[in-house]
Amino acid sequence: MYLHIGQNEILPDSRIIGVFDLDKASCGKRAQEFLNRAEADGVVLDISGDIPRSFVVCDHPYHPQIVYLSQLSSTTLQKRAETGKLEF
């Protein structure tokens, strides 16, 4: 199964580690450190095209993980994952 996370980006659900609300997670010290480290390592891909609302952490064959910034809310992504539909 696949998850459409916005801007024509589709991820296999087997690679998804977690989906997080950017506003809630960025308040925490650990989440800020994680995102700052990912940014420094060059593994953050901003596909939001706008103000990002969530981030998706995924396994990647060439990196320990990739972080996608999405314009969709974490609630929307959760609903898409639960229904298994590719909504564009």
C-alpha atoms as a PDB file:
ATOM      1  CA  MET A   1       0.000   0.000   0.000  1.00  0.00           C
ATOM      2  CA  TYR A   2       1.103   3.579  -0.604  1.00  0.00           C
ATOM      3  CA  LEU A   3       0.455   6.927   1.072  1.00  0.00           C
ATOM      4  CA  HIS A   4       0.102  10.174  -0.863  1.00  0.00           C
ATOM      5  CA  ILE A   5       1.688  12.889   1.312  1.00  0.00           C
ATOM      6  CA  GLY A   6       1.096  15.841  -1.035  1.00  0.00           C
ATOM      7  CA  GLN A   7       2.638  17.484  -4.107  1.00  0.00           C
ATOM      8  CA  ASN A   8       2.611  14.236  -6.130  1.00  0.00           C
ATOM      9  CA  GLU A   9       4.785  12.476  -3.543  1.00  0.00           C
ATOM     10  CA  ILE A  10       3.740   8.895  -2.833  1.00  0.00           C
ATOM     11  CA  LEU A  11       5.491   6.711  -0.272  1.00  0.00           C
ATOM     12  CA  PRO A  12       5.274   2.967   0.296  1.00  0.00           C
ATOM     13  CA  ASP A  13       3.750   2.466   3.737  1.00  0.00           C
ATOM     14  CA  SER A  14       6.394  -0.154   4.545  1.00  0.00           C
ATOM     15  CA  ARG A  15       9.009   2.633   4.636  1.00  0.00           C
ATOM     16  CA  ILE A  16       7.041   5.011   6.895  1.00  0.00           C
ATOM     17  CA  ILE A  17       8.366   5.163  10.444  1.00  0.00           C
ATOM     18  CA  GLY A  18       6.049   7.890  11.710  1.00  0.00           C
ATOM     19  CA  VAL A  19       3.844  10.862  10.889  1.00  0.00           C
ATOM     20  CA  PHE A  20       4.074  13.858  13.211  1.00  0.00           C
ATOM     21  CA  ASP A  21       2.271  17.162  13.681  1.00  0.00           C
ATOM     22  CA  LEU A  22       4.884  19.862  13.076  1.00  0.00           C
ATOM     23  CA  ASP A  23       3.380  22.404  15.489  1.00  0.00           C
ATOM     24  CA  LYS A  24       3.124  19.956  18.384  1.00  0.00           C
ATOM     25  CA  ALA A  25       6.441  18.229  17.775  1.00  0.00           C
ATOM     26  CA  SER A  26       8.455  21.417  17.283  1.00  0.00           C
ATOM     27  CA  CYS A  27       7.579  22.517  20.826  1.00  0.00           C
ATOM     28  CA  GLY A  28       9.533  19.586  22.262  1.00  0.00           C
ATOM     29  CA  LYS A  29      13.285  19.779  22.718  1.00  0.00           C
ATOM     30  CA  ARG A  30      13.952  16.296  21.332  1.00  0.00           C
ATOM     31  CA  ALA A  31      11.880  16.892  18.217  1.00  0.00           C
ATOM     32  CA  GLN A  32      13.672  20.182  17.568  1.00  0.00           C
ATOM     33  CA  GLU A  33      17.037  18.465  17.968  1.00  0.00           C
ATOM     34  CA  PHE A  34      15.954  15.665  15.624  1.00  0.00           C
ATOM     35  CA  LEU A  35      14.755  18.077  12.928  1.00  0.00           C
ATOM     36  CA  ASN A  36      17.867  20.266  13.267  1.00  0.00           C
ATOM     37  CA  ARG A  37      20.126  17.211  12.937  1.00  0.00           C
ATOM     38  CA  ALA A  38      18.170  15.939   9.933  1.00  0.00           C
ATOM     39  CA  GLU A  39      18.445  19.367   8.308  1.00  0.00           C
ATOM     40  CA  ALA A  40      22.200  19.460   8.952  1.00  0.00           C
ATOM     41  CA  ASP A  41      22.549  15.955   7.476  1.00  0.00           C
ATOM     42  CA  GLY A  42      20.644  17.067   4.357  1.00  0.00           C
ATOM     43  CA  VAL A  43      17.876  14.494   4.697  1.00  0.00           C
ATOM     44  CA  VAL A  44      14.926  16.892   4.946  1.00  0.00           C
ATOM     45  CA  LEU A  45      12.807  17.223   1.804  1.00  0.00           C
ATOM     46  CA  ASP A  46      10.315  20.077   1.836  1.00  0.00           C
ATOM     47  CA  ILE A  47       7.520  18.992  -0.480  1.00  0.00           C
ATOM     48  CA  SER A  48       4.962  21.275   1.152  1.00  0.00           C
ATOM     49  CA  GLY A  49       5.006  23.996  -1.494  1.00  0.00           C
ATOM     50  CA  ASP A  50       3.526  26.104   1.295  1.00  0.00           C
ATOM     51  CA  ILE A  51       3.731  26.232   5.061  1.00  0.00           C
ATOM     52  CA  PRO A  52       4.432  22.686   6.280  1.00  0.00           C
ATOM     53  CA  ARG A  53       1.950  21.229   8.772  1.00  0.00           C
ATOM     54  CA  SER A  54       3.420  17.784   9.362  1.00  0.00           C
ATOM     55  CA  PHE A  55       6.523  15.720   8.801  1.00  0.00           C
ATOM     56  CA  VAL A  56       6.886  12.096   7.787  1.00  0.00           C
ATOM     57  CA  VAL A  57       9.950  10.084   8.807  1.00  0.00           C
ATOM     58  CA  CYS A  58      10.814   7.228   6.423  1.00  0.00           C
ATOM     59  CA  ASP A  59      13.422   4.516   5.973  1.00  0.00           C
ATOM     60  CA  HIS A  60      15.604   5.067   2.955  1.00  0.00           C
ATOM     61  CA  PRO A  61      17.961   2.679   1.190  1.00  0.00           C
ATOM     62  CA  TYR A  62      20.837   5.227   1.096  1.00  0.00           C
ATOM     63  CA  HIS A  63      20.312   7.066   4.411  1.00  0.00           C
ATOM     64  CA  PRO A  64      19.231   5.965   7.863  1.00  0.00           C
ATOM     65  CA  GLN A  65      16.067   7.990   7.284  1.00  0.00           C
ATOM     66  CA  ILE A  66      14.476  10.765   5.233  1.00  0.00           C
ATOM     67  CA  VAL A  67      12.176  13.466   6.610  1.00  0.00           C
ATOM     68  CA  TYR A  68       9.446  14.815   4.324  1.00  0.00           C
ATOM     69  CA  LEU A  69       7.753  18.112   5.225  1.00  0.00           C
ATOM     70  CA  SER A  70       4.133  18.033   4.055  1.00  0.00           C
ATOM     71  CA  GLN A  71       1.450  20.703   3.744  1.00  0.00           C
ATOM     72  CA  LEU A  72      -1.149  18.137   4.817  1.00  0.00           C
ATOM     73  CA  SER A  73      -2.041  17.743   8.474  1.00  0.00           C
ATOM     74  CA  SER A  74      -1.003  14.643  10.376  1.00  0.00           C
ATOM     75  CA  THR A  75      -4.712  13.869  10.894  1.00  0.00           C
ATOM     76  CA  THR A  76      -5.336  13.881   7.133  1.00  0.00           C
ATOM     77  CA  LEU A  77      -2.340  11.636   6.532  1.00  0.00           C
ATOM     78  CA  GLN A  78      -3.510   9.269   9.267  1.00  0.00           C
ATOM     79  CA  LYS A  79      -6.974   9.013   7.693  1.00  0.00           C
ATOM     80  CA  ARG A  80      -5.442   8.325   4.277  1.00  0.00           C
ATOM     81  CA  ALA A  81      -3.255   5.602   5.753  1.00  0.00           C
ATOM     82  CA  GLU A  82      -6.205   3.982   7.537  1.00  0.00           C
ATOM     83  CA  THR A  83      -8.458   3.956   4.476  1.00  0.00           C
ATOM     84  CA  GLY A  84      -5.690   2.878   2.113  1.00  0.00           C
ATOM     85  CA  LYS A  85      -6.855   5.295  -0.581  1.00  0.00           C
ATOM     86  CA  LEU A  86      -4.568   7.342  -2.783  1.00  0.00           C
ATOM     87  CA  GLU A  87      -6.280  10.729  -2.628  1.00  0.00           C
ATOM     88  CA  PHE A  88      -4.937  13.531  -4.814  1.00  0.00           C
END
